[in-house]
Protein backbone atom coordinates (compact mmCIF):
# COMPACT_ATOMS: atom_id res chain seq x y z
CA UNK A 1 -62.13 -8.01 -15.03
CA UNK A 2 -64.99 -5.57 -14.72
CA UNK A 3 -67.78 -6.03 -12.22
CA UNK A 4 -70.31 -5.10 -14.90
CA UNK A 5 -69.10 -7.83 -17.28
CA UNK A 6 -69.07 -10.35 -14.42
CA UNK A 7 -72.63 -9.41 -13.47
CA UNK A 8 -73.78 -9.78 -17.08
CA UNK A 9 -72.02 -13.13 -17.42
CA UNK A 10 -73.66 -14.40 -14.25
CA UNK A 11 -76.98 -13.32 -15.73
CA UNK A 12 -76.35 -15.54 -18.77
CA UNK A 13 -74.71 -13.07 -21.19
CA UNK A 14 -72.37 -15.19 -23.32
CA UNK A 15 -70.66 -12.19 -24.88
CA UNK A 16 -69.80 -10.83 -21.43
CA UNK A 17 -68.36 -14.21 -20.47
CA UNK A 18 -66.18 -14.24 -23.59
CA UNK A 19 -65.02 -10.72 -22.70
CA UNK A 20 -63.95 -11.98 -19.27
CA UNK A 21 -62.02 -15.04 -20.42
CA UNK A 22 -60.48 -13.78 -23.66
CA UNK A 23 -57.38 -12.23 -21.99
CA UNK A 24 -56.54 -15.68 -20.54
CA UNK A 25 -57.38 -17.97 -23.45
CA UNK A 26 -53.91 -18.19 -24.99
CA UNK A 27 -52.06 -18.75 -21.75
CA UNK A 28 -54.61 -21.37 -20.69
CA UNK A 29 -54.10 -23.23 -23.97
CA UNK A 30 -50.33 -23.14 -23.47
CA UNK A 31 -50.88 -24.43 -19.92
CA UNK A 32 -52.97 -27.36 -21.15
CA UNK A 33 -50.37 -28.06 -23.86
CA UNK A 34 -47.52 -28.21 -21.34
CA UNK A 35 -49.40 -30.74 -19.22
CA UNK A 36 -50.74 -32.84 -22.11
CA UNK A 37 -47.96 -32.48 -24.71
CA UNK A 38 -50.45 -32.45 -27.60
CA UNK A 39 -51.90 -29.35 -29.27
CA UNK A 40 -55.01 -31.25 -30.32
CA UNK A 41 -55.62 -32.60 -26.81
CA UNK A 42 -54.96 -29.15 -25.31
CA UNK A 43 -57.54 -27.53 -27.59
CA UNK A 44 -60.16 -30.16 -26.77
CA UNK A 45 -59.56 -30.01 -23.02
CA UNK A 46 -59.53 -26.21 -22.98
CA UNK A 47 -62.91 -26.13 -24.71
CA UNK A 48 -64.27 -28.50 -22.04
CA UNK A 49 -62.77 -26.31 -19.32
CA UNK A 50 -64.24 -23.08 -20.70
CA UNK A 51 -67.63 -24.74 -21.07
CA UNK A 52 -67.40 -25.85 -17.44
CA UNK A 53 -66.44 -22.30 -16.44
CA UNK A 54 -69.42 -20.88 -18.30
CA UNK A 55 -71.77 -23.31 -16.57
CA UNK A 56 -70.37 -22.48 -13.14
CA UNK A 57 -69.72 -18.73 -13.48
CA UNK A 58 -72.54 -18.11 -11.03
CA UNK A 59 -70.47 -19.84 -8.32
CA UNK A 60 -67.31 -17.80 -8.98
CA UNK A 61 -66.38 -16.00 -5.75
CA UNK A 62 -65.17 -12.84 -7.51
CA UNK A 63 -61.60 -13.03 -6.15
CA UNK A 64 -59.09 -14.12 -8.84
CA UNK A 65 -60.63 -15.01 -12.18
CA UNK A 66 -57.24 -16.18 -13.51
CA UNK A 67 -56.66 -18.60 -10.63
CA UNK A 68 -60.25 -19.84 -10.93
CA UNK A 69 -59.82 -20.56 -14.65
CA UNK A 70 -56.48 -22.28 -14.00
CA UNK A 71 -58.14 -24.47 -11.38
CA UNK A 72 -60.79 -25.61 -13.84
CA UNK A 73 -58.32 -26.10 -16.72
CA UNK A 74 -55.73 -27.92 -14.60
CA UNK A 75 -58.27 -30.33 -13.17
CA UNK A 76 -59.72 -31.00 -16.61
CA UNK A 77 -56.20 -31.88 -17.80
CA UNK A 78 -55.68 -34.22 -14.85
CA UNK A 79 -59.05 -35.85 -15.44
CA UNK A 80 -58.09 -36.34 -19.08
CA UNK A 81 -54.86 -38.06 -18.10
CA UNK A 82 -56.70 -40.30 -15.64
CA UNK A 83 -59.07 -41.47 -18.39
CA UNK A 84 -56.59 -43.62 -20.26
CA UNK A 85 -59.19 -44.73 -22.79
CA UNK A 86 -59.22 -41.16 -24.09
CA UNK A 87 -55.55 -41.37 -25.01
CA UNK A 88 -55.26 -44.68 -26.88
CA UNK A 89 -52.06 -46.66 -26.54
CA UNK A 90 -49.98 -46.47 -29.69
CA UNK A 91 -49.50 -49.93 -31.17
CA UNK A 92 -46.32 -51.64 -30.11
CA UNK A 93 -45.22 -49.04 -27.56
CA UNK A 94 -44.52 -50.14 -23.98
CA UNK A 95 -46.13 -48.53 -20.95
CA UNK A 96 -43.51 -46.53 -19.05
CA UNK A 97 -45.32 -46.98 -15.75
CA UNK A 98 -44.94 -43.35 -14.74
CA UNK A 99 -47.14 -41.08 -16.79
CA UNK A 100 -49.65 -43.84 -17.40
CA UNK A 101 -49.23 -43.85 -21.16
CA UNK A 102 -46.68 -45.50 -23.40
CA UNK A 103 -43.48 -43.83 -24.46
CA UNK A 104 -41.79 -44.80 -27.66
CA UNK A 105 -38.55 -46.72 -27.98
CA UNK A 106 -36.81 -43.36 -28.22
CA UNK A 107 -38.11 -42.48 -24.77
CA UNK A 108 -40.17 -39.64 -26.22
CA UNK A 109 -43.95 -39.38 -25.72
CA UNK A 110 -45.54 -40.65 -28.92
CA UNK A 111 -48.36 -38.07 -28.58
CA UNK A 112 -45.93 -35.10 -28.56
CA UNK A 113 -46.86 -32.35 -31.02
CA UNK A 114 -45.26 -29.00 -31.93
CA UNK A 115 -46.81 -25.76 -30.70
CA UNK A 116 -47.11 -22.75 -33.08
CA UNK A 117 -45.36 -19.57 -31.97
CA UNK A 118 -48.48 -17.54 -31.22
CA UNK A 119 -48.30 -17.44 -27.44
CA UNK A 120 -48.29 -13.68 -27.11
CA UNK A 121 -46.57 -11.99 -24.18
CA UNK A 122 -46.77 -14.27 -21.15
CA UNK A 123 -45.29 -12.91 -17.94
CA UNK A 124 -44.52 -15.61 -15.35
CA UNK A 125 -45.07 -14.88 -11.67
CA UNK A 126 -42.20 -13.80 -9.41
CA UNK A 127 -41.59 -17.37 -8.16
CA UNK A 128 -41.19 -18.88 -11.65
CA UNK A 129 -37.93 -20.65 -12.48
CA UNK A 130 -38.41 -20.66 -16.27
CA UNK A 131 -39.12 -17.83 -18.65
CA UNK A 132 -41.83 -18.11 -21.32
CA UNK A 133 -39.40 -19.30 -24.01
CA UNK A 134 -37.78 -21.98 -21.87
CA UNK A 135 -41.09 -23.28 -20.61
CA UNK A 136 -42.49 -23.95 -24.09
CA UNK A 137 -39.31 -25.49 -25.57
CA UNK A 138 -39.99 -28.89 -27.10
CA UNK A 139 -37.45 -30.70 -24.90
CA UNK A 140 -39.02 -29.20 -21.76
CA UNK A 141 -42.57 -30.17 -22.76
CA UNK A 142 -41.36 -33.67 -23.68
CA UNK A 143 -39.58 -33.94 -20.34
CA UNK A 144 -42.75 -33.00 -18.47
CA UNK A 145 -44.55 -35.96 -20.02
CA UNK A 146 -42.26 -38.35 -18.10
CA UNK A 147 -43.56 -37.04 -14.77
CA UNK A 148 -46.66 -38.41 -13.04
CA UNK A 149 -49.64 -36.10 -13.80
CA UNK A 150 -49.90 -34.50 -10.34
CA UNK A 151 -46.18 -33.72 -10.22
CA UNK A 152 -46.37 -32.38 -13.76
CA UNK A 153 -49.20 -30.01 -12.83
CA UNK A 154 -47.43 -28.83 -9.67
CA UNK A 155 -44.18 -28.09 -11.50
CA UNK A 156 -45.99 -26.12 -14.20
CA UNK A 157 -48.04 -24.12 -11.70
CA UNK A 158 -45.08 -23.33 -9.45
CA UNK A 159 -41.97 -23.20 -11.67
CA UNK A 160 -43.49 -22.11 -14.99
CA UNK A 161 -46.39 -19.88 -13.96
CA UNK A 162 -44.98 -18.80 -10.61
CA UNK A 163 -48.11 -19.37 -8.53
CA UNK A 164 -47.30 -19.25 -4.79
CA UNK A 165 -47.56 -22.59 -3.01
CA UNK A 166 -50.80 -21.61 -1.28
CA UNK A 167 -52.44 -20.60 -4.56
CA UNK A 168 -51.20 -23.74 -6.34
CA UNK A 169 -52.65 -25.83 -3.50
CA UNK A 170 -55.98 -24.06 -3.93
CA UNK A 171 -55.97 -24.72 -7.68
CA UNK A 172 -55.27 -28.42 -7.11
CA UNK A 173 -57.52 -28.80 -4.10
CA UNK A 174 -54.73 -30.04 -1.85
CA UNK A 175 -52.38 -28.77 0.88
CA UNK A 176 -49.26 -26.63 0.66
CA UNK A 177 -47.30 -29.52 2.17
CA UNK A 178 -48.47 -31.83 -0.61
CA UNK A 179 -47.62 -29.23 -3.24
CA UNK A 180 -44.11 -28.66 -1.85
CA UNK A 181 -43.48 -32.41 -1.63
CA UNK A 182 -44.68 -33.00 -5.20
CA UNK A 183 -42.55 -30.10 -6.45
CA UNK A 184 -39.39 -31.56 -4.92
CA UNK A 185 -40.07 -34.92 -6.57
CA UNK A 186 -40.94 -33.29 -9.90
CA UNK A 187 -37.75 -31.24 -10.00
CA UNK A 188 -35.71 -34.33 -9.21
CA UNK A 189 -37.55 -36.37 -11.85
CA UNK A 190 -37.28 -33.88 -14.70
CA UNK A 191 -34.77 -35.16 -17.25
CA UNK A 192 -31.46 -33.24 -17.33
CA UNK A 193 -31.83 -32.59 -21.06
CA UNK A 194 -35.24 -30.99 -20.49
CA UNK A 195 -33.68 -27.66 -19.52
CA UNK A 196 -32.68 -25.68 -22.63
CA UNK A 197 -29.09 -24.46 -22.43
CA UNK A 198 -26.68 -22.46 -24.60
CA UNK A 199 -29.53 -21.62 -26.96
CA UNK A 200 -29.08 -18.71 -29.40
CA UNK A 201 -31.45 -15.80 -28.92
CA UNK A 202 -34.65 -16.54 -30.88
CA UNK A 203 -34.77 -14.93 -34.33
CA UNK A 204 -31.19 -13.67 -33.88
CA UNK A 205 -28.54 -13.64 -36.64
CA UNK A 206 -26.74 -16.45 -34.77
CA UNK A 207 -29.84 -18.65 -34.84
CA UNK A 208 -30.53 -17.82 -38.49
CA UNK A 209 -26.97 -18.71 -39.47
CA UNK A 210 -27.29 -22.25 -38.05
CA UNK A 211 -30.66 -22.80 -39.72
CA UNK A 212 -29.40 -21.48 -43.07
CA UNK A 213 -26.40 -23.83 -42.92
CA UNK A 214 -28.68 -26.77 -42.20
CA UNK A 215 -31.11 -25.94 -45.00
CA UNK A 216 -28.27 -25.51 -47.49
CA UNK A 217 -26.57 -28.76 -46.43
CA UNK A 218 -29.80 -30.77 -46.44
CA UNK A 219 -30.98 -29.51 -49.83
CA UNK A 220 -27.54 -30.28 -51.30
CA UNK A 221 -27.29 -33.63 -49.44
CA UNK A 222 -23.91 -32.53 -48.11
CA UNK A 223 -23.16 -35.32 -45.65
CA UNK A 224 -19.96 -33.76 -44.28
CA UNK A 225 -21.63 -30.41 -43.59
CA UNK A 226 -24.60 -32.07 -41.89
CA UNK A 227 -22.24 -34.07 -39.66
CA UNK A 228 -20.32 -30.90 -38.75
CA UNK A 229 -23.56 -29.14 -37.80
CA UNK A 230 -24.68 -31.80 -35.30
CA UNK A 231 -23.45 -32.08 -31.72
CA UNK A 232 -21.78 -35.31 -30.66
CA UNK A 233 -24.88 -36.35 -28.67
CA UNK A 234 -27.44 -35.22 -31.25
CA UNK A 235 -30.72 -37.14 -31.57
CA UNK A 236 -33.37 -37.39 -34.26
CA UNK A 237 -36.82 -38.58 -33.16
CA UNK A 238 -40.06 -38.89 -35.11
CA UNK A 239 -43.12 -39.00 -32.83
CA UNK A 240 -45.27 -41.10 -32.91
CA UNK A 241 -42.76 -43.51 -34.45
CA UNK A 242 -40.60 -45.28 -31.83
CA UNK A 243 -37.44 -45.20 -33.96
CA UNK A 244 -34.63 -42.74 -33.32
CA UNK A 245 -31.18 -41.97 -34.67
CA UNK A 246 -28.29 -40.93 -32.43
CA UNK A 247 -25.03 -39.25 -33.31
CA UNK A 248 -24.03 -36.99 -36.23
CA UNK A 249 -23.16 -39.71 -38.73
CA UNK A 250 -26.31 -41.77 -38.11
CA UNK A 251 -28.57 -38.72 -38.36
CA UNK A 252 -26.88 -37.23 -41.42
CA UNK A 253 -26.86 -40.64 -43.10
CA UNK A 254 -30.59 -41.04 -42.45
CA UNK A 255 -31.44 -37.58 -43.81
CA UNK A 256 -29.35 -38.01 -46.93
CA UNK A 257 -30.28 -41.65 -47.52
CA UNK A 258 -34.01 -41.03 -47.14
CA UNK A 259 -34.17 -38.22 -49.69
CA UNK A 260 -31.17 -38.49 -52.01
CA UNK A 261 -32.18 -37.93 -55.61
CA UNK A 262 -35.22 -35.84 -54.67
CA UNK A 263 -35.43 -32.11 -55.24
CA UNK A 264 -36.54 -31.23 -51.70
CA UNK A 265 -37.75 -27.86 -50.48
CA UNK A 266 -37.57 -26.56 -46.90
CA UNK A 267 -39.65 -23.60 -45.73
CA UNK A 268 -38.91 -21.87 -42.41
CA UNK A 269 -41.41 -21.50 -39.59
CA UNK A 270 -41.27 -21.57 -35.79
CA UNK A 271 -42.55 -24.00 -33.19
CA UNK A 272 -42.15 -24.01 -29.40
CA UNK A 273 -40.04 -20.87 -29.60
CA UNK A 274 -37.57 -22.71 -31.84
CA UNK A 275 -36.73 -22.68 -35.54
CA UNK A 276 -38.62 -25.25 -37.58
CA UNK A 277 -38.83 -26.28 -41.21
CA UNK A 278 -41.66 -27.66 -43.32
CA UNK A 279 -40.39 -30.27 -45.76
CA UNK A 280 -41.94 -30.60 -49.23
CA UNK A 281 -41.17 -33.33 -51.76
CA UNK A 282 -42.06 -33.39 -55.47
CA UNK A 283 -45.12 -35.41 -56.44
CA UNK A 284 -44.02 -37.96 -59.08
CA UNK A 285 -47.41 -37.88 -60.82
CA UNK A 286 -48.28 -34.17 -60.79
CA UNK A 287 -46.51 -30.79 -61.03
CA UNK A 288 -46.91 -30.06 -57.32
CA UNK A 289 -44.96 -30.24 -54.09
CA UNK A 290 -46.43 -32.40 -51.31
CA UNK A 291 -45.74 -31.71 -47.65
CA UNK A 292 -43.83 -34.51 -45.95
CA UNK A 293 -43.58 -33.20 -42.40
CA UNK A 294 -42.36 -30.54 -40.02
CA UNK A 295 -38.89 -30.62 -38.43
CA UNK A 296 -38.24 -28.73 -35.18
CA UNK A 297 -34.58 -27.88 -34.54
CA UNK A 298 -33.14 -27.66 -31.05
CA UNK A 299 -29.96 -25.59 -31.18
CA UNK A 300 -26.95 -25.56 -28.89
CA UNK A 301 -24.49 -22.81 -29.60
CA UNK A 302 -23.74 -22.91 -33.33
CA UNK A 303 -24.81 -26.54 -33.72
CA UNK A 304 -27.98 -28.64 -33.65
CA UNK A 305 -28.59 -30.86 -30.61
CA UNK A 306 -31.90 -32.41 -31.63
CA UNK A 307 -34.20 -32.77 -34.61
CA UNK A 308 -37.81 -33.75 -34.01
CA UNK A 309 -39.71 -34.64 -37.15
CA UNK A 310 -43.51 -34.66 -37.10
CA UNK A 311 -45.30 -36.44 -39.93
CA UNK A 312 -48.85 -35.50 -38.94
CA UNK A 313 -49.80 -33.29 -41.89
CA UNK A 314 -52.97 -32.22 -40.11
CA UNK A 315 -50.78 -29.98 -37.94
CA UNK A 316 -49.51 -27.90 -40.86
CA UNK A 317 -52.58 -25.67 -41.07
CA UNK A 318 -51.78 -24.35 -37.58
CA UNK A 319 -48.48 -23.12 -39.00
CA UNK A 320 -50.06 -21.58 -42.07
CA UNK A 321 -48.85 -24.18 -44.56
CA UNK A 322 -50.92 -26.13 -47.11
CA UNK A 323 -50.44 -29.82 -47.83
CA UNK A 324 -49.55 -29.11 -51.47
CA UNK A 325 -47.84 -26.29 -53.35
CA UNK A 326 -47.75 -25.68 -57.12
CA UNK A 327 -44.38 -26.00 -58.82
CA UNK A 328 -42.91 -23.07 -60.62
């Protein structure tokens, strides 16, 4: 941050303000995504936060611009979660009583969305317990959604971003004692399967080998190979749908049974620091492929522990994929 840019921003120079905030935009969006679990919600809330920052830049004390922006963004996220009318209840899903919004029958947040791998280089603070890859993993973000909003925010500020307790308290407008107490409860409440473990190095040959085996088996509808690829406790979920499939045979049977007889195509991408695939199916009335969804793979060793299929085709543009492709 330069004093000259700050002075110009305070004088109403919008370009100077953008110069000040641009280095923090991506990490702030990831922060909002972790708390809210939805890319669309995170984008909307971040825009509100940056507008609020622009309107109040004259009151910025000049100390830590990053902490000041995190305070505004975090509180906008918490305000969003308090306004339940802004996150409509999905039909037929029960209220879990904790986060204040319904979770599906699978126990997953129905609003969960995948995050494109464009985070850049984020360096957590010295007190962080998770590295950038772990803290954006789909299972971790889903696990955060089970925590009450204040605990969720505290855990992200302390364990993901590494803010000291005093700074986290300042961001949240509370005391260090309250922050430490909330952090203890949040750590205890985070689901055991939220912490990624035994995960191949991203973009490594080991990771690629598992993905290639899955693509080959799925496109050939090889039930035995799909079963062999899945861990004994594997799960397939499809937010916002409440249904889920558990166990290798149930998952493989669903994948094969749902698409047998179709000439499917799977194209690789990445989401949440994990391998993902965009599924295309042939259009019966035109010589084109139509996108059917995006599948995020959670790996464990040389197997797959979870598959999360997203059917919201509006998300594909964020991953650089169109809704249709020409055949041939």
